[in-house]
């Protein structure tokens, strides 16, 4: 079977390419390296079942030969990245989604959209189930990502309803692990980098806000099952770890694991920063027989070793 993975050189995309290759798929990877890195996929170029295309998905896409599956992961995903590239972020989740959907329709391929828990915004329901519509500021600084993902979901479902395309939507919650960019601005790489250097660890607000962190191997397992299971046309599924932790607790855990003496620096809260974020994964358990297996401490230890070059 042949699969196209957009955002193939990204943090999650590169791990997903590896998984499909291990399962015997022929993988076409696509990335323009805006936020992804060639280093993440350099080891795959020796694999005869991997073909890479350096390309921007906002442009018309055509792939020679058959395709059985399209995985659309391309998009700046960290707040630093999508606020630095706001218009491109919206283009990737509008034109890029349109182009990849058109390709899937042409090839009669299954389509999986990598959406985000950000579609829930500052959620008024906790934990967040798939049937919750969200509470999003449509003109705030985070809207370039939140609303882009909501538009991608709506466009994907329009193709499902009008053209009968086999669409699956993964709402991905905070994911971490090896190959995260050190400077991408997300909380785990920021804390680890600061801790390893002995520098103050920044917390925006009082640190009581919560997140739920899913190790990348667990997330990729969920994506693979969502992509390959039969009979899930039109399904929207949360993929994340329901183990909730405060940002202050996370900072303390990182300092313990690294043995750092870094202090904590409290900074003003960021606009529209959700106070709580935690997935309801009952649907993933039922449809995919999936749930995370890596606990936060073990996952952080693996990630710290990678950042430390061990």
C-alpha atoms as a PDB file:
ATOM      1  CA  UNK A   1       0.000   0.000   0.000  1.00  0.00           C
ATOM      2  CA  UNK A   2       1.104   3.553  -0.729  1.00  0.00           C
ATOM      3  CA  UNK A   3       0.671   6.466   1.688  1.00  0.00           C
ATOM      4  CA  UNK A   4       1.374  10.192   1.348  1.00  0.00           C
ATOM      5  CA  UNK A   5       2.443  11.913   4.571  1.00  0.00           C
ATOM      6  CA  UNK A   6       2.507  15.719   4.428  1.00  0.00           C
ATOM      7  CA  UNK A   7       4.612  17.342   7.114  1.00  0.00           C
ATOM      8  CA  UNK A   8       6.844  14.269   6.878  1.00  0.00           C
ATOM      9  CA  UNK A   9       9.939  16.024   8.247  1.00  0.00           C
ATOM     10  CA  UNK A  10       8.126  17.308  11.309  1.00  0.00           C
ATOM     11  CA  UNK A  11       8.234  15.945  14.832  1.00  0.00           C
ATOM     12  CA  UNK A  12       5.166  13.703  14.562  1.00  0.00           C
ATOM     13  CA  UNK A  13       5.335  13.229  10.791  1.00  0.00           C
ATOM     14  CA  UNK A  14       8.803  11.690  10.837  1.00  0.00           C
ATOM     15  CA  UNK A  15       7.819   9.161  13.507  1.00  0.00           C
ATOM     16  CA  UNK A  16       4.684   8.324  11.528  1.00  0.00           C
ATOM     17  CA  UNK A  17       6.713   7.707   8.354  1.00  0.00           C
ATOM     18  CA  UNK A  18       8.859   5.240  10.296  1.00  0.00           C
ATOM     19  CA  UNK A  19       5.776   3.413  11.541  1.00  0.00           C
ATOM     20  CA  UNK A  20       4.280   3.013   8.073  1.00  0.00           C
ATOM     21  CA  UNK A  21       7.607   1.799   6.702  1.00  0.00           C
ATOM     22  CA  UNK A  22       7.850  -0.811   9.462  1.00  0.00           C
ATOM     23  CA  UNK A  23       4.381  -2.015   8.496  1.00  0.00           C
ATOM     24  CA  UNK A  24       5.442  -2.538   4.866  1.00  0.00           C
ATOM     25  CA  UNK A  25       3.903   0.574   3.288  1.00  0.00           C
ATOM     26  CA  UNK A  26       5.503   2.564   0.496  1.00  0.00           C
ATOM     27  CA  UNK A  27       5.750   6.085   1.941  1.00  0.00           C
ATOM     28  CA  UNK A  28       5.793   9.318  -0.032  1.00  0.00           C
ATOM     29  CA  UNK A  29       6.891  12.078   2.335  1.00  0.00           C
ATOM     30  CA  UNK A  30       6.264  15.735   1.583  1.00  0.00           C
ATOM     31  CA  UNK A  31       7.556  18.807   3.427  1.00  0.00           C
ATOM     32  CA  UNK A  32       8.840  22.306   2.686  1.00  0.00           C
ATOM     33  CA  UNK A  33      11.001  22.447   5.854  1.00  0.00           C
ATOM     34  CA  UNK A  34       9.341  25.595   7.194  1.00  0.00           C
ATOM     35  CA  UNK A  35       9.209  24.042  10.668  1.00  0.00           C
ATOM     36  CA  UNK A  36      10.317  20.469   9.907  1.00  0.00           C
ATOM     37  CA  UNK A  37      13.945  19.393   9.590  1.00  0.00           C
ATOM     38  CA  UNK A  38      15.771  17.238   7.015  1.00  0.00           C
ATOM     39  CA  UNK A  39      17.616  15.679   9.961  1.00  0.00           C
ATOM     40  CA  UNK A  40      14.377  14.020  11.123  1.00  0.00           C
ATOM     41  CA  UNK A  41      14.124  11.931   7.959  1.00  0.00           C
ATOM     42  CA  UNK A  42      17.758  11.680   6.794  1.00  0.00           C
ATOM     43  CA  UNK A  43      17.928   8.068   7.961  1.00  0.00           C
ATOM     44  CA  UNK A  44      14.916   7.166   5.801  1.00  0.00           C
ATOM     45  CA  UNK A  45      16.493   8.043   2.459  1.00  0.00           C
ATOM     46  CA  UNK A  46      18.296   4.703   2.352  1.00  0.00           C
ATOM     47  CA  UNK A  47      14.962   2.893   2.514  1.00  0.00           C
ATOM     48  CA  UNK A  48      13.815   1.914  -0.980  1.00  0.00           C
ATOM     49  CA  UNK A  49      10.194   2.206   0.152  1.00  0.00           C
ATOM     50  CA  UNK A  50      10.570   5.891   1.032  1.00  0.00           C
ATOM     51  CA  UNK A  51      10.360   8.712  -1.477  1.00  0.00           C
ATOM     52  CA  UNK A  52      10.629  12.352  -0.439  1.00  0.00           C
ATOM     53  CA  UNK A  53       9.252  15.402  -2.244  1.00  0.00           C
ATOM     54  CA  UNK A  54      10.386  18.865  -1.153  1.00  0.00           C
ATOM     55  CA  UNK A  55       7.177  20.783  -1.756  1.00  0.00           C
ATOM     56  CA  UNK A  56       4.715  23.272  -0.281  1.00  0.00           C
ATOM     57  CA  UNK A  57       1.209  21.821   0.044  1.00  0.00           C
ATOM     58  CA  UNK A  58      -0.445  25.197  -0.532  1.00  0.00           C
ATOM     59  CA  UNK A  59       0.335  24.606  -4.218  1.00  0.00           C
ATOM     60  CA  UNK A  60      -1.430  22.124  -6.491  1.00  0.00           C
ATOM     61  CA  UNK A  61      -0.360  18.563  -5.660  1.00  0.00           C
ATOM     62  CA  UNK A  62      -0.037  15.616  -7.994  1.00  0.00           C
ATOM     63  CA  UNK A  63       1.630  12.293  -7.167  1.00  0.00           C
ATOM     64  CA  UNK A  64       2.502   9.743  -9.831  1.00  0.00           C
ATOM     65  CA  UNK A  65       1.020   6.276  -9.388  1.00  0.00           C
ATOM     66  CA  UNK A  66      -1.635   4.969  -7.022  1.00  0.00           C
ATOM     67  CA  UNK A  67      -2.258   6.201  -3.484  1.00  0.00           C
ATOM     68  CA  UNK A  68      -4.238   4.290  -0.879  1.00  0.00           C
ATOM     69  CA  UNK A  69      -3.976   6.765   1.965  1.00  0.00           C
ATOM     70  CA  UNK A  70      -3.327  10.491   2.468  1.00  0.00           C
ATOM     71  CA  UNK A  71      -2.176  11.685   5.902  1.00  0.00           C
ATOM     72  CA  UNK A  72      -2.315  15.482   6.112  1.00  0.00           C
ATOM     73  CA  UNK A  73      -0.049  16.554   8.984  1.00  0.00           C
ATOM     74  CA  UNK A  74       1.571  19.621   7.421  1.00  0.00           C
ATOM     75  CA  UNK A  75       1.087  22.775   9.514  1.00  0.00           C
ATOM     76  CA  UNK A  76       3.077  24.891  11.974  1.00  0.00           C
ATOM     77  CA  UNK A  77       1.908  23.428  15.290  1.00  0.00           C
ATOM     78  CA  UNK A  78       3.526  25.384  18.114  1.00  0.00           C
ATOM     79  CA  UNK A  79       2.269  28.829  19.208  1.00  0.00           C
ATOM     80  CA  UNK A  80       5.660  30.362  18.384  1.00  0.00           C
ATOM     81  CA  UNK A  81       5.543  28.930  14.858  1.00  0.00           C
ATOM     82  CA  UNK A  82       1.954  29.733  13.956  1.00  0.00           C
ATOM     83  CA  UNK A  83       2.227  33.244  15.386  1.00  0.00           C
ATOM     84  CA  UNK A  84       5.438  33.781  13.387  1.00  0.00           C
ATOM     85  CA  UNK A  85       3.753  32.395  10.250  1.00  0.00           C
ATOM     86  CA  UNK A  86       0.062  33.289  10.710  1.00  0.00           C
ATOM     87  CA  UNK A  87      -0.955  33.589   7.063  1.00  0.00           C
ATOM     88  CA  UNK A  88       0.980  30.512   5.978  1.00  0.00           C
ATOM     89  CA  UNK A  89      -0.620  28.549   8.809  1.00  0.00           C
ATOM     90  CA  UNK A  90      -4.063  29.456   7.507  1.00  0.00           C
ATOM     91  CA  UNK A  91      -3.025  28.660   3.933  1.00  0.00           C
ATOM     92  CA  UNK A  92      -1.772  25.188   4.919  1.00  0.00           C
ATOM     93  CA  UNK A  93      -5.090  24.415   6.614  1.00  0.00           C
ATOM     94  CA  UNK A  94      -7.194  25.858   3.795  1.00  0.00           C
ATOM     95  CA  UNK A  95      -5.387  25.551   0.458  1.00  0.00           C
ATOM     96  CA  UNK A  96      -3.227  22.673   1.718  1.00  0.00           C
ATOM     97  CA  UNK A  97      -6.257  20.780   2.972  1.00  0.00           C
ATOM     98  CA  UNK A  98      -8.135  21.498  -0.259  1.00  0.00           C
ATOM     99  CA  UNK A  99      -5.213  20.265  -2.370  1.00  0.00           C
ATOM    100  CA  UNK A 100      -4.685  17.063  -0.378  1.00  0.00           C
ATOM    101  CA  UNK A 101      -8.418  16.342  -0.347  1.00  0.00           C
ATOM    102  CA  UNK A 102      -8.508  16.826  -4.121  1.00  0.00           C
ATOM    103  CA  UNK A 103      -5.622  14.391  -4.493  1.00  0.00           C
ATOM    104  CA  UNK A 104      -7.351  11.826  -2.267  1.00  0.00           C
ATOM    105  CA  UNK A 105     -10.531  12.187  -4.336  1.00  0.00           C
ATOM    106  CA  UNK A 106      -8.591  11.728  -7.590  1.00  0.00           C
ATOM    107  CA  UNK A 107      -6.764   8.644  -6.279  1.00  0.00           C
ATOM    108  CA  UNK A 108      -9.824   7.254  -4.438  1.00  0.00           C
ATOM    109  CA  UNK A 109      -7.667   7.213  -1.301  1.00  0.00           C
ATOM    110  CA  UNK A 110      -8.605   7.252   2.369  1.00  0.00           C
ATOM    111  CA  UNK A 111      -7.889  10.619   4.030  1.00  0.00           C
ATOM    112  CA  UNK A 112      -6.776  11.355   7.591  1.00  0.00           C
ATOM    113  CA  UNK A 113      -6.641  14.941   8.822  1.00  0.00           C
ATOM    114  CA  UNK A 114      -4.343  15.757  11.724  1.00  0.00           C
ATOM    115  CA  UNK A 115      -6.488  18.276  13.556  1.00  0.00           C
ATOM    116  CA  UNK A 116      -5.878  19.593  17.050  1.00  0.00           C
ATOM    117  CA  UNK A 117      -7.343  19.938  20.515  1.00  0.00           C
ATOM    118  CA  UNK A 118      -7.129  23.674  19.783  1.00  0.00           C
ATOM    119  CA  UNK A 119     -10.497  23.365  18.029  1.00  0.00           C
ATOM    120  CA  UNK A 120     -11.963  23.240  21.555  1.00  0.00           C
ATOM    121  CA  UNK A 121     -10.408  26.606  22.468  1.00  0.00           C
ATOM    122  CA  UNK A 122     -10.848  27.656  26.106  1.00  0.00           C
ATOM    123  CA  UNK A 123     -13.137  24.722  26.689  1.00  0.00           C
ATOM    124  CA  UNK A 124     -16.185  25.099  28.917  1.00  0.00           C
ATOM    125  CA  UNK A 125     -16.533  21.290  29.122  1.00  0.00           C
ATOM    126  CA  UNK A 126     -13.936  19.105  30.841  1.00  0.00           C
ATOM    127  CA  UNK A 127     -12.544  16.707  29.783  1.00  0.00           C
ATOM    128  CA  UNK A 128     -13.298  17.462  26.138  1.00  0.00           C
ATOM    129  CA  UNK A 129     -15.356  14.892  24.185  1.00  0.00           C
ATOM    130  CA  UNK A 130     -15.595  14.859  20.385  1.00  0.00           C
ATOM    131  CA  UNK A 131     -19.194  16.129  20.411  1.00  0.00           C
ATOM    132  CA  UNK A 132     -18.201  19.354  22.201  1.00  0.00           C
ATOM    133  CA  UNK A 133     -18.208  22.246  19.717  1.00  0.00           C
ATOM    134  CA  UNK A 134     -15.597  24.372  21.453  1.00  0.00           C
ATOM    135  CA  UNK A 135     -15.260  27.918  22.739  1.00  0.00           C
ATOM    136  CA  UNK A 136     -12.905  29.787  20.413  1.00  0.00           C
ATOM    137  CA  UNK A 137     -12.051  33.460  20.003  1.00  0.00           C
ATOM    138  CA  UNK A 138     -12.269  33.867  16.192  1.00  0.00           C
ATOM    139  CA  UNK A 139     -10.155  37.049  16.100  1.00  0.00           C
ATOM    140  CA  UNK A 140      -7.642  36.445  18.910  1.00  0.00           C
ATOM    141  CA  UNK A 141      -3.917  35.796  18.349  1.00  0.00           C
ATOM    142  CA  UNK A 142      -4.404  32.006  18.492  1.00  0.00           C
ATOM    143  CA  UNK A 143      -7.263  32.094  15.980  1.00  0.00           C
ATOM    144  CA  UNK A 144      -4.894  31.652  13.045  1.00  0.00           C
ATOM    145  CA  UNK A 145      -4.366  28.081  14.228  1.00  0.00           C
ATOM    146  CA  UNK A 146      -7.645  27.349  16.039  1.00  0.00           C
ATOM    147  CA  UNK A 147      -9.899  28.501  13.238  1.00  0.00           C
ATOM    148  CA  UNK A 148      -7.625  27.053  10.552  1.00  0.00           C
ATOM    149  CA  UNK A 149      -8.026  23.608  12.084  1.00  0.00           C
ATOM    150  CA  UNK A 150     -11.783  24.096  12.456  1.00  0.00           C
ATOM    151  CA  UNK A 151     -11.978  25.073   8.778  1.00  0.00           C
ATOM    152  CA  UNK A 152      -9.901  22.024   7.800  1.00  0.00           C
ATOM    153  CA  UNK A 153     -12.325  19.790   9.659  1.00  0.00           C
ATOM    154  CA  UNK A 154     -15.355  21.416   7.996  1.00  0.00           C
ATOM    155  CA  UNK A 155     -13.771  21.130   4.536  1.00  0.00           C
ATOM    156  CA  UNK A 156     -12.861  17.481   5.112  1.00  0.00           C
ATOM    157  CA  UNK A 157     -16.396  16.634   6.177  1.00  0.00           C
ATOM    158  CA  UNK A 158     -17.777  18.482   3.136  1.00  0.00           C
ATOM    159  CA  UNK A 159     -15.709  16.152   0.916  1.00  0.00           C
ATOM    160  CA  UNK A 160     -16.984  13.186   2.905  1.00  0.00           C
ATOM    161  CA  UNK A 161     -20.631  14.209   2.505  1.00  0.00           C
ATOM    162  CA  UNK A 162     -20.524  15.461  -1.088  1.00  0.00           C
ATOM    163  CA  UNK A 163     -18.006  13.070  -2.664  1.00  0.00           C
ATOM    164  CA  UNK A 164     -18.242  10.043  -0.361  1.00  0.00           C
ATOM    165  CA  UNK A 165     -14.549  10.331   0.552  1.00  0.00           C
ATOM    166  CA  UNK A 166     -13.436   8.104   3.441  1.00  0.00           C
ATOM    167  CA  UNK A 167     -12.440  10.825   5.922  1.00  0.00           C
ATOM    168  CA  UNK A 168     -11.086  10.400   9.452  1.00  0.00           C
ATOM    169  CA  UNK A 169     -10.194  13.331  11.727  1.00  0.00           C
ATOM    170  CA  UNK A 170      -7.684  13.010  14.574  1.00  0.00           C
ATOM    171  CA  UNK A 171      -7.883  15.723  17.225  1.00  0.00           C
ATOM    172  CA  UNK A 172      -4.348  15.595  18.602  1.00  0.00           C
ATOM    173  CA  UNK A 173      -3.676  16.779  22.150  1.00  0.00           C
ATOM    174  CA  UNK A 174      -0.278  17.898  23.462  1.00  0.00           C
ATOM    175  CA  UNK A 175       2.369  15.455  22.241  1.00  0.00           C
ATOM    176  CA  UNK A 176       6.049  15.304  23.184  1.00  0.00           C
ATOM    177  CA  UNK A 177       9.159  13.217  22.673  1.00  0.00           C
ATOM    178  CA  UNK A 178      12.409  12.978  20.692  1.00  0.00           C
ATOM    179  CA  UNK A 179      12.790  15.229  17.617  1.00  0.00           C
ATOM    180  CA  UNK A 180      10.897  18.160  19.057  1.00  0.00           C
ATOM    181  CA  UNK A 181      12.651  21.362  18.049  1.00  0.00           C
ATOM    182  CA  UNK A 182      14.540  22.941  20.912  1.00  0.00           C
ATOM    183  CA  UNK A 183      13.263  26.390  19.977  1.00  0.00           C
ATOM    184  CA  UNK A 184       9.682  25.600  19.012  1.00  0.00           C
ATOM    185  CA  UNK A 185       8.306  27.350  22.090  1.00  0.00           C
ATOM    186  CA  UNK A 186       6.237  24.458  23.438  1.00  0.00           C
ATOM    187  CA  UNK A 187       6.443  23.886  27.144  1.00  0.00           C
ATOM    188  CA  UNK A 188       8.292  20.557  27.362  1.00  0.00           C
ATOM    189  CA  UNK A 189      11.242  21.389  25.057  1.00  0.00           C
ATOM    190  CA  UNK A 190      11.448  24.853  26.641  1.00  0.00           C
ATOM    191  CA  UNK A 191      11.579  23.444  30.172  1.00  0.00           C
ATOM    192  CA  UNK A 192      14.109  20.761  29.247  1.00  0.00           C
ATOM    193  CA  UNK A 193      16.406  23.186  27.429  1.00  0.00           C
ATOM    194  CA  UNK A 194      16.309  25.681  30.292  1.00  0.00           C
ATOM    195  CA  UNK A 195      16.830  22.971  32.899  1.00  0.00           C
ATOM    196  CA  UNK A 196      19.822  21.474  31.077  1.00  0.00           C
ATOM    197  CA  UNK A 197      21.395  24.942  30.845  1.00  0.00           C
ATOM    198  CA  UNK A 198      20.538  25.875  34.432  1.00  0.00           C
ATOM    199  CA  UNK A 199      18.501  28.852  33.261  1.00  0.00           C
ATOM    200  CA  UNK A 200      15.157  30.051  34.709  1.00  0.00           C
ATOM    201  CA  UNK A 201      12.135  28.100  33.463  1.00  0.00           C
ATOM    202  CA  UNK A 202       9.367  30.442  32.250  1.00  0.00           C
ATOM    203  CA  UNK A 203       5.775  29.861  33.356  1.00  0.00           C
ATOM    204  CA  UNK A 204       3.072  32.099  31.915  1.00  0.00           C
ATOM    205  CA  UNK A 205       0.537  32.784  34.656  1.00  0.00           C
ATOM    206  CA  UNK A 206       0.638  31.059  38.038  1.00  0.00           C
ATOM    207  CA  UNK A 207       1.261  27.557  36.663  1.00  0.00           C
ATOM    208  CA  UNK A 208      -2.131  26.197  37.701  1.00  0.00           C
ATOM    209  CA  UNK A 209      -3.236  25.719  34.090  1.00  0.00           C
ATOM    210  CA  UNK A 210      -3.285  22.055  33.086  1.00  0.00           C
ATOM    211  CA  UNK A 211      -2.241  20.098  30.045  1.00  0.00           C
ATOM    212  CA  UNK A 212      -2.290  16.398  29.175  1.00  0.00           C
ATOM    213  CA  UNK A 213       0.904  15.153  27.552  1.00  0.00           C
ATOM    214  CA  UNK A 214       0.991  12.149  25.229  1.00  0.00           C
ATOM    215  CA  UNK A 215       4.293  10.485  24.318  1.00  0.00           C
ATOM    216  CA  UNK A 216       4.904  10.456  20.569  1.00  0.00           C
ATOM    217  CA  UNK A 217       5.030   6.647  20.223  1.00  0.00           C
ATOM    218  CA  UNK A 218       1.564   6.386  21.776  1.00  0.00           C
ATOM    219  CA  UNK A 219       0.211   9.128  19.534  1.00  0.00           C
ATOM    220  CA  UNK A 220       1.626   7.497  16.395  1.00  0.00           C
ATOM    221  CA  UNK A 221       0.042   4.180  17.394  1.00  0.00           C
ATOM    222  CA  UNK A 222      -3.328   5.936  17.627  1.00  0.00           C
ATOM    223  CA  UNK A 223      -2.872   7.645  14.263  1.00  0.00           C
ATOM    224  CA  UNK A 224      -1.870   4.377  12.614  1.00  0.00           C
ATOM    225  CA  UNK A 225      -4.915   2.570  13.986  1.00  0.00           C
ATOM    226  CA  UNK A 226      -7.238   5.397  12.944  1.00  0.00           C
ATOM    227  CA  UNK A 227      -5.761   5.335   9.437  1.00  0.00           C
ATOM    228  CA  UNK A 228      -5.869   1.578   8.886  1.00  0.00           C
ATOM    229  CA  UNK A 229      -9.032   0.402  10.663  1.00  0.00           C
ATOM    230  CA  UNK A 230     -12.063  -0.334   8.516  1.00  0.00           C
ATOM    231  CA  UNK A 231     -15.493   1.219   8.891  1.00  0.00           C
ATOM    232  CA  UNK A 232     -14.509   4.568  10.409  1.00  0.00           C
ATOM    233  CA  UNK A 233     -15.637   6.834   7.563  1.00  0.00           C
ATOM    234  CA  UNK A 234     -16.487  10.302   8.862  1.00  0.00           C
ATOM    235  CA  UNK A 235     -15.291   9.658  12.427  1.00  0.00           C
ATOM    236  CA  UNK A 236     -13.665  12.315  14.613  1.00  0.00           C
ATOM    237  CA  UNK A 237     -11.437  10.889  17.353  1.00  0.00           C
ATOM    238  CA  UNK A 238      -9.492  12.496  20.195  1.00  0.00           C
ATOM    239  CA  UNK A 239      -5.930  11.208  20.526  1.00  0.00           C
ATOM    240  CA  UNK A 240      -4.130  12.219  23.701  1.00  0.00           C
ATOM    241  CA  UNK A 241      -3.282  11.230  27.228  1.00  0.00           C
ATOM    242  CA  UNK A 242      -6.012  11.824  29.836  1.00  0.00           C
ATOM    243  CA  UNK A 243      -3.405  12.071  32.615  1.00  0.00           C
ATOM    244  CA  UNK A 244      -3.721  15.757  33.532  1.00  0.00           C
ATOM    245  CA  UNK A 245      -0.895  17.786  35.113  1.00  0.00           C
ATOM    246  CA  UNK A 246      -0.378  21.434  35.969  1.00  0.00           C
ATOM    247  CA  UNK A 247       2.392  23.382  34.284  1.00  0.00           C
ATOM    248  CA  UNK A 248       3.969  24.017  37.673  1.00  0.00           C
ATOM    249  CA  UNK A 249       3.993  20.276  38.425  1.00  0.00           C
ATOM    250  CA  UNK A 250       5.573  19.672  35.014  1.00  0.00           C
ATOM    251  CA  UNK A 251       8.343  22.206  35.717  1.00  0.00           C
ATOM    252  CA  UNK A 252       9.163  20.514  39.022  1.00  0.00           C
ATOM    253  CA  UNK A 253       9.207  17.076  37.382  1.00  0.00           C
ATOM    254  CA  UNK A 254      11.622  18.267  34.681  1.00  0.00           C
ATOM    255  CA  UNK A 255      13.989  19.741  37.265  1.00  0.00           C
ATOM    256  CA  UNK A 256      13.937  16.469  39.217  1.00  0.00           C
ATOM    257  CA  UNK A 257      14.665  14.343  36.133  1.00  0.00           C
ATOM    258  CA  UNK A 258      17.450  16.615  34.876  1.00  0.00           C
ATOM    259  CA  UNK A 259      18.910  17.233  38.349  1.00  0.00           C
ATOM    260  CA  UNK A 260      18.789  20.928  37.529  1.00  0.00           C
ATOM    261  CA  UNK A 261      18.824  23.830  39.955  1.00  0.00           C
ATOM    262  CA  UNK A 262      16.892  26.084  37.577  1.00  0.00           C
ATOM    263  CA  UNK A 263      14.524  28.526  39.187  1.00  0.00           C
ATOM    264  CA  UNK A 264      10.996  29.213  37.961  1.00  0.00           C
ATOM    265  CA  UNK A 265      10.231  32.571  36.385  1.00  0.00           C
ATOM    266  CA  UNK A 266       6.564  33.581  36.469  1.00  0.00           C
ATOM    267  CA  UNK A 267       5.498  35.760  33.536  1.00  0.00           C
ATOM    268  CA  UNK A 268       2.174  37.375  32.529  1.00  0.00           C
ATOM    269  CA  UNK A 269      -0.444  34.963  31.149  1.00  0.00           C
ATOM    270  CA  UNK A 270      -0.684  34.603  27.388  1.00  0.00           C
ATOM    271  CA  UNK A 271      -3.885  35.762  25.635  1.00  0.00           C
ATOM    272  CA  UNK A 272      -6.573  33.059  25.222  1.00  0.00           C
ATOM    273  CA  UNK A 273      -4.395  30.438  26.906  1.00  0.00           C
ATOM    274  CA  UNK A 274      -6.798  27.607  27.859  1.00  0.00           C
ATOM    275  CA  UNK A 275      -6.936  27.077  31.646  1.00  0.00           C
ATOM    276  CA  UNK A 276      -7.470  23.317  31.282  1.00  0.00           C
ATOM    277  CA  UNK A 277      -6.879  20.865  28.471  1.00  0.00           C
ATOM    278  CA  UNK A 278      -7.609  17.158  28.765  1.00  0.00           C
ATOM    279  CA  UNK A 279      -9.077  14.662  26.271  1.00  0.00           C
ATOM    280  CA  UNK A 280     -11.968  12.315  26.748  1.00  0.00           C
ATOM    281  CA  UNK A 281     -10.608   9.226  24.936  1.00  0.00           C
ATOM    282  CA  UNK A 282     -13.516   6.843  25.445  1.00  0.00           C
ATOM    283  CA  UNK A 283     -14.213   6.911  21.706  1.00  0.00           C
ATOM    284  CA  UNK A 284     -10.618   5.975  20.847  1.00  0.00           C
ATOM    285  CA  UNK A 285     -10.772   3.136  23.350  1.00  0.00           C
ATOM    286  CA  UNK A 286     -13.992   1.841  21.807  1.00  0.00           C
ATOM    287  CA  UNK A 287     -13.233   2.280  18.097  1.00  0.00           C
ATOM    288  CA  UNK A 288      -9.468   1.748  18.053  1.00  0.00           C
ATOM    289  CA  UNK A 289      -8.852  -0.281  21.213  1.00  0.00           C
ATOM    290  CA  UNK A 290      -6.253   2.407  21.915  1.00  0.00           C
ATOM    291  CA  UNK A 291      -5.022   4.253  24.950  1.00  0.00           C
ATOM    292  CA  UNK A 292      -1.590   5.634  25.914  1.00  0.00           C
ATOM    293  CA  UNK A 293       0.752   3.272  27.721  1.00  0.00           C
ATOM    294  CA  UNK A 294       3.763   5.518  28.441  1.00  0.00           C
ATOM    295  CA  UNK A 295       3.492   7.495  31.683  1.00  0.00           C
ATOM    296  CA  UNK A 296       4.744  11.072  31.868  1.00  0.00           C
ATOM    297  CA  UNK A 297       7.862  10.408  33.937  1.00  0.00           C
ATOM    298  CA  UNK A 298       9.158   7.643  31.652  1.00  0.00           C
ATOM    299  CA  UNK A 299       8.376   9.688  28.561  1.00  0.00           C
ATOM    300  CA  UNK A 300      10.109  12.751  29.976  1.00  0.00           C
ATOM    301  CA  UNK A 301      13.195  10.702  30.832  1.00  0.00           C
ATOM    302  CA  UNK A 302      13.379   9.464  27.216  1.00  0.00           C
ATOM    303  CA  UNK A 303      12.932  12.998  25.931  1.00  0.00           C
ATOM    304  CA  UNK A 304      15.556  14.458  28.274  1.00  0.00           C
ATOM    305  CA  UNK A 305      18.063  11.814  27.132  1.00  0.00           C
ATOM    306  CA  UNK A 306      17.418  12.790  23.522  1.00  0.00           C
ATOM    307  CA  UNK A 307      17.812  16.509  24.230  1.00  0.00           C
ATOM    308  CA  UNK A 308      21.000  15.815  26.164  1.00  0.00           C
ATOM    309  CA  UNK A 309      22.373  13.789  23.247  1.00  0.00           C
ATOM    310  CA  UNK A 310      22.634  10.597  25.313  1.00  0.00           C
END
